[in-house]
Amino acid sequence: MNADDLRALQAPLKDRYRENAQTAVVTMVARGELDAAEIVCNVDTGKALVRAGLHPAGGGDGSQACSGNMLLEALVACAGVTLKAVATALAIDLKGGTVTAEGDLDFRGTLGVAKDAPVGFSAIRLSFDLVTEAPAEQIATLTKLTERYCVIFQTLNKPPPLTLDVSAHG
């Protein structure tokens, strides 16, 4: 896909969103089913069923996906797609590359071992290793726009209000 193809694909969407902002608001939903026997949540991604369980540092055996890794994977996916879309729009020739997200997690927090240990990531690092001959100025613009338009990056960087509701029935 080139810049013209991407513009043609997105132009009708942008026009519709400019004319009626409400059409741009989409509520995304993720669902999981709790396993009755194991400490597992089966998450239907729409493409595959992912069995999420405890990380080995939290008592798991490593046979299930870890939700912390899934968060980092979502960041990698979003940042990679955003970077490719921005590069396409700017006609920056990317021959390939890798996207890596690393996160530091102190399991003393989630296991309740130390009250002063945070529950959750204390730091997340996102990096790109790009195969391109683009000049540094273009890479800087690509980086700035990827950071600006990556949904997961922005959500982690400026968290929205988060609520929790529970219902129970027999």
C-alpha atoms as a PDB file:
ATOM      1  CA  MET A   1       0.000   0.000   0.000  1.00  0.00           C
ATOM      2  CA  ASN A   2       1.288   3.478  -0.812  1.00  0.00           C
ATOM      3  CA  ALA A   3       0.364   6.929   0.518  1.00  0.00           C
ATOM      4  CA  ASP A   4      -2.290   7.496  -2.163  1.00  0.00           C
ATOM      5  CA  ASP A   5      -3.927   4.121  -1.459  1.00  0.00           C
ATOM      6  CA  LEU A   6      -3.998   4.851   2.274  1.00  0.00           C
ATOM      7  CA  ARG A   7      -5.486   8.334   1.733  1.00  0.00           C
ATOM      8  CA  ALA A   8      -8.150   6.880  -0.586  1.00  0.00           C
ATOM      9  CA  LEU A   9      -8.985   4.214   1.980  1.00  0.00           C
ATOM     10  CA  GLN A  10      -9.245   6.656   4.892  1.00  0.00           C
ATOM     11  CA  ALA A  11     -10.718   9.728   3.131  1.00  0.00           C
ATOM     12  CA  PRO A  12     -14.379   8.644   3.344  1.00  0.00           C
ATOM     13  CA  LEU A  13     -13.937   7.756   7.018  1.00  0.00           C
ATOM     14  CA  LYS A  14     -12.326  11.116   7.823  1.00  0.00           C
ATOM     15  CA  ASP A  15     -15.076  12.951   5.932  1.00  0.00           C
ATOM     16  CA  ARG A  16     -17.790  11.070   7.818  1.00  0.00           C
ATOM     17  CA  TYR A  17     -16.094  11.750  11.165  1.00  0.00           C
ATOM     18  CA  ARG A  18     -15.739  15.460  10.365  1.00  0.00           C
ATOM     19  CA  GLU A  19     -19.426  15.675   9.423  1.00  0.00           C
ATOM     20  CA  ASN A  20     -20.655  13.695  12.427  1.00  0.00           C
ATOM     21  CA  ALA A  21     -18.180  13.254  15.284  1.00  0.00           C
ATOM     22  CA  GLN A  22     -20.381  10.630  16.982  1.00  0.00           C
ATOM     23  CA  THR A  23     -19.778   8.188  14.119  1.00  0.00           C
ATOM     24  CA  ALA A  24     -16.088   8.109  15.098  1.00  0.00           C
ATOM     25  CA  VAL A  25     -16.805   6.824  18.613  1.00  0.00           C
ATOM     26  CA  VAL A  26     -16.574   3.043  18.735  1.00  0.00           C
ATOM     27  CA  THR A  27     -16.988   1.008  21.908  1.00  0.00           C
ATOM     28  CA  MET A  28     -14.616  -1.926  21.765  1.00  0.00           C
ATOM     29  CA  VAL A  29     -15.309  -4.944  23.943  1.00  0.00           C
ATOM     30  CA  ALA A  30     -13.147  -7.795  25.183  1.00  0.00           C
ATOM     31  CA  ARG A  31     -14.583 -10.790  27.006  1.00  0.00           C
ATOM     32  CA  GLY A  32     -13.176 -13.720  28.872  1.00  0.00           C
ATOM     33  CA  GLU A  33     -14.617 -16.822  30.481  1.00  0.00           C
ATOM     34  CA  LEU A  34     -13.326 -17.978  33.839  1.00  0.00           C
ATOM     35  CA  ASP A  35     -12.254 -21.593  34.000  1.00  0.00           C
ATOM     36  CA  ALA A  36     -14.106 -23.522  36.726  1.00  0.00           C
ATOM     37  CA  ALA A  37     -11.124 -25.723  37.624  1.00  0.00           C
ATOM     38  CA  GLU A  38      -7.948 -23.754  36.858  1.00  0.00           C
ATOM     39  CA  ILE A  39      -6.684 -20.240  37.520  1.00  0.00           C
ATOM     40  CA  VAL A  40      -7.291 -19.332  33.894  1.00  0.00           C
ATOM     41  CA  CYS A  41      -9.326 -16.792  31.949  1.00  0.00           C
ATOM     42  CA  ASN A  42     -10.136 -17.814  28.383  1.00  0.00           C
ATOM     43  CA  VAL A  43     -10.048 -14.685  26.234  1.00  0.00           C
ATOM     44  CA  ASP A  44     -11.671 -14.746  22.819  1.00  0.00           C
ATOM     45  CA  THR A  45      -9.602 -12.392  20.650  1.00  0.00           C
ATOM     46  CA  GLY A  46     -11.874 -12.813  17.642  1.00  0.00           C
ATOM     47  CA  LYS A  47      -9.005 -14.597  15.893  1.00  0.00           C
ATOM     48  CA  ALA A  48      -8.108 -17.222  18.486  1.00  0.00           C
ATOM     49  CA  LEU A  49      -8.884 -18.287  22.031  1.00  0.00           C
ATOM     50  CA  VAL A  50      -6.113 -17.259  24.419  1.00  0.00           C
ATOM     51  CA  ARG A  51      -5.802 -19.037  27.765  1.00  0.00           C
ATOM     52  CA  ALA A  52      -4.434 -16.468  30.197  1.00  0.00           C
ATOM     53  CA  GLY A  53      -3.015 -17.670  33.469  1.00  0.00           C
ATOM     54  CA  LEU A  54      -0.427 -16.903  36.106  1.00  0.00           C
ATOM     55  CA  HIS A  55       3.074 -15.837  35.072  1.00  0.00           C
ATOM     56  CA  PRO A  56       5.752 -18.231  36.384  1.00  0.00           C
ATOM     57  CA  ALA A  57       6.962 -15.464  38.739  1.00  0.00           C
ATOM     58  CA  GLY A  58       3.441 -15.474  40.211  1.00  0.00           C
ATOM     59  CA  GLY A  59       3.033 -19.248  40.504  1.00  0.00           C
ATOM     60  CA  GLY A  60       2.130 -20.281  36.963  1.00  0.00           C
ATOM     61  CA  ASP A  61       3.800 -23.023  34.982  1.00  0.00           C
ATOM     62  CA  GLY A  62       4.272 -20.916  31.858  1.00  0.00           C
ATOM     63  CA  SER A  63       1.817 -22.891  29.748  1.00  0.00           C
ATOM     64  CA  GLN A  64      -0.722 -20.046  29.546  1.00  0.00           C
ATOM     65  CA  ALA A  65      -0.410 -16.512  28.268  1.00  0.00           C
ATOM     66  CA  CYS A  66       0.389 -13.827  30.824  1.00  0.00           C
ATOM     67  CA  SER A  67      -1.815 -10.732  30.863  1.00  0.00           C
ATOM     68  CA  GLY A  68       1.240  -8.538  31.465  1.00  0.00           C
ATOM     69  CA  ASN A  69       2.822  -9.896  28.310  1.00  0.00           C
ATOM     70  CA  MET A  70      -0.500  -9.437  26.512  1.00  0.00           C
ATOM     71  CA  LEU A  71      -0.480  -5.746  27.483  1.00  0.00           C
ATOM     72  CA  LEU A  72       3.031  -5.365  26.075  1.00  0.00           C
ATOM     73  CA  GLU A  73       1.994  -7.302  22.963  1.00  0.00           C
ATOM     74  CA  ALA A  74      -0.951  -4.934  22.462  1.00  0.00           C
ATOM     75  CA  LEU A  75       1.458  -1.997  22.700  1.00  0.00           C
ATOM     76  CA  VAL A  76       3.809  -3.611  20.166  1.00  0.00           C
ATOM     77  CA  ALA A  77       0.934  -4.352  17.778  1.00  0.00           C
ATOM     78  CA  CYS A  78      -0.551  -0.872  18.003  1.00  0.00           C
ATOM     79  CA  ALA A  79       2.787   0.928  17.772  1.00  0.00           C
ATOM     80  CA  GLY A  80       3.877  -1.229  14.843  1.00  0.00           C
ATOM     81  CA  VAL A  81       0.676  -0.682  12.870  1.00  0.00           C
ATOM     82  CA  THR A  82       0.679   3.034  13.685  1.00  0.00           C
ATOM     83  CA  LEU A  83       4.323   3.384  12.649  1.00  0.00           C
ATOM     84  CA  LYS A  84       3.652   1.593   9.355  1.00  0.00           C
ATOM     85  CA  ALA A  85       0.579   3.750   8.647  1.00  0.00           C
ATOM     86  CA  VAL A  86       2.473   6.970   9.403  1.00  0.00           C
ATOM     87  CA  ALA A  87       5.450   5.831   7.313  1.00  0.00           C
ATOM     88  CA  THR A  88       3.088   5.017   4.448  1.00  0.00           C
ATOM     89  CA  ALA A  89       1.330   8.384   4.707  1.00  0.00           C
ATOM     90  CA  LEU A  90       4.674  10.208   4.727  1.00  0.00           C
ATOM     91  CA  ALA A  91       6.088   8.015   1.928  1.00  0.00           C
ATOM     92  CA  ILE A  92       8.970   6.871   4.141  1.00  0.00           C
ATOM     93  CA  ASP A  93      10.412   3.659   2.740  1.00  0.00           C
ATOM     94  CA  LEU A  94      10.577   1.063   5.520  1.00  0.00           C
ATOM     95  CA  LYS A  95      12.139  -2.169   4.383  1.00  0.00           C
ATOM     96  CA  GLY A  96      11.398  -3.865   7.709  1.00  0.00           C
ATOM     97  CA  GLY A  97      12.210  -3.692  11.366  1.00  0.00           C
ATOM     98  CA  THR A  98      11.204  -4.835  14.810  1.00  0.00           C
ATOM     99  CA  VAL A  99       9.116  -3.362  17.582  1.00  0.00           C
ATOM    100  CA  THR A 100       9.944  -4.273  21.175  1.00  0.00           C
ATOM    101  CA  ALA A 101       8.182  -3.456  24.428  1.00  0.00           C
ATOM    102  CA  GLU A 102       9.750  -4.263  27.785  1.00  0.00           C
ATOM    103  CA  GLY A 103       8.110  -3.773  31.148  1.00  0.00           C
ATOM    104  CA  ASP A 104       9.441  -3.987  34.686  1.00  0.00           C
ATOM    105  CA  LEU A 105       7.103  -5.768  37.095  1.00  0.00           C
ATOM    106  CA  ASP A 106       7.867  -6.431  40.767  1.00  0.00           C
ATOM    107  CA  PHE A 107       5.877  -9.541  41.641  1.00  0.00           C
ATOM    108  CA  ARG A 108       6.113  -8.749  45.366  1.00  0.00           C
ATOM    109  CA  GLY A 109       3.335  -6.215  44.742  1.00  0.00           C
ATOM    110  CA  THR A 110       0.816  -8.492  43.044  1.00  0.00           C
ATOM    111  CA  LEU A 111       1.563 -11.335  45.476  1.00  0.00           C
ATOM    112  CA  GLY A 112       1.100  -9.079  48.509  1.00  0.00           C
ATOM    113  CA  VAL A 113       4.611  -9.761  49.796  1.00  0.00           C
ATOM    114  CA  ALA A 114       5.623  -6.116  50.219  1.00  0.00           C
ATOM    115  CA  LYS A 115       3.118  -3.298  50.677  1.00  0.00           C
ATOM    116  CA  ASP A 116       5.616  -0.773  49.297  1.00  0.00           C
ATOM    117  CA  ALA A 117       6.072  -2.733  46.024  1.00  0.00           C
ATOM    118  CA  PRO A 118       3.844  -1.425  43.229  1.00  0.00           C
ATOM    119  CA  VAL A 119       1.171  -3.619  41.711  1.00  0.00           C
ATOM    120  CA  GLY A 120       1.647  -3.233  37.987  1.00  0.00           C
ATOM    121  CA  PHE A 121       4.440  -2.139  35.723  1.00  0.00           C
ATOM    122  CA  SER A 122       6.819   0.425  37.174  1.00  0.00           C
ATOM    123  CA  ALA A 123       8.312   1.198  33.761  1.00  0.00           C
ATOM    124  CA  ILE A 124       7.592   0.329  30.134  1.00  0.00           C
ATOM    125  CA  ARG A 125      10.055   0.867  27.305  1.00  0.00           C
ATOM    126  CA  LEU A 126       9.056   0.819  23.636  1.00  0.00           C
ATOM    127  CA  SER A 127      11.683   0.647  20.926  1.00  0.00           C
ATOM    128  CA  PHE A 128      11.885   0.349  17.172  1.00  0.00           C
ATOM    129  CA  ASP A 129      14.777  -1.078  15.159  1.00  0.00           C
ATOM    130  CA  LEU A 130      14.012   0.077  11.624  1.00  0.00           C
ATOM    131  CA  VAL A 131      15.498  -1.001   8.325  1.00  0.00           C
ATOM    132  CA  THR A 132      15.368   2.187   6.280  1.00  0.00           C
ATOM    133  CA  GLU A 133      17.553   4.703   4.520  1.00  0.00           C
ATOM    134  CA  ALA A 134      15.317   7.582   5.616  1.00  0.00           C
ATOM    135  CA  PRO A 135      17.183  10.598   7.006  1.00  0.00           C
ATOM    136  CA  ALA A 136      17.213  11.330  10.752  1.00  0.00           C
ATOM    137  CA  GLU A 137      14.728  14.193  10.327  1.00  0.00           C
ATOM    138  CA  GLN A 138      12.133  11.863   8.782  1.00  0.00           C
ATOM    139  CA  ILE A 139      12.743   9.246  11.493  1.00  0.00           C
ATOM    140  CA  ALA A 140      12.194  11.934  14.161  1.00  0.00           C
ATOM    141  CA  THR A 141       8.892  12.942  12.535  1.00  0.00           C
ATOM    142  CA  LEU A 142       7.873   9.292  12.202  1.00  0.00           C
ATOM    143  CA  THR A 143       8.643   8.706  15.886  1.00  0.00           C
ATOM    144  CA  LYS A 144       6.774  11.805  17.061  1.00  0.00           C
ATOM    145  CA  LEU A 145       3.659  10.983  15.012  1.00  0.00           C
ATOM    146  CA  THR A 146       3.701   7.304  15.999  1.00  0.00           C
ATOM    147  CA  GLU A 147       3.790   8.305  19.658  1.00  0.00           C
ATOM    148  CA  ARG A 148       1.002  10.821  19.106  1.00  0.00           C
ATOM    149  CA  TYR A 149      -1.380   8.516  17.216  1.00  0.00           C
ATOM    150  CA  CYS A 150      -0.742   5.109  18.831  1.00  0.00           C
ATOM    151  CA  VAL A 151      -3.901   4.355  20.817  1.00  0.00           C
ATOM    152  CA  ILE A 152      -2.291   1.969  23.302  1.00  0.00           C
ATOM    153  CA  PHE A 153       0.738   4.229  23.858  1.00  0.00           C
ATOM    154  CA  GLN A 154      -1.503   7.212  24.565  1.00  0.00           C
ATOM    155  CA  THR A 155      -3.841   5.173  26.779  1.00  0.00           C
ATOM    156  CA  LEU A 156      -0.921   3.991  28.916  1.00  0.00           C
ATOM    157  CA  ASN A 157       0.683   7.430  28.898  1.00  0.00           C
ATOM    158  CA  LYS A 158      -2.516   9.268  29.907  1.00  0.00           C
ATOM    159  CA  PRO A 159      -4.826   6.685  31.483  1.00  0.00           C
ATOM    160  CA  PRO A 160      -8.571   7.248  31.146  1.00  0.00           C
ATOM    161  CA  PRO A 161     -10.933   6.804  34.094  1.00  0.00           C
ATOM    162  CA  LEU A 162     -11.227   3.122  34.912  1.00  0.00           C
ATOM    163  CA  THR A 163     -14.149   1.533  36.712  1.00  0.00           C
ATOM    164  CA  LEU A 164     -14.873  -1.942  38.028  1.00  0.00           C
ATOM    165  CA  ASP A 165     -18.356  -3.408  38.369  1.00  0.00           C
ATOM    166  CA  VAL A 166     -19.162  -6.814  39.818  1.00  0.00           C
ATOM    167  CA  SER A 167     -22.405  -8.791  39.777  1.00  0.00           C
ATOM    168  CA  ALA A 168     -22.836 -12.212  41.310  1.00  0.00           C
ATOM    169  CA  HIS A 169     -25.567 -14.792  40.842  1.00  0.00           C
ATOM    170  CA  GLY A 170     -26.156 -18.418  41.725  1.00  0.00           C
END
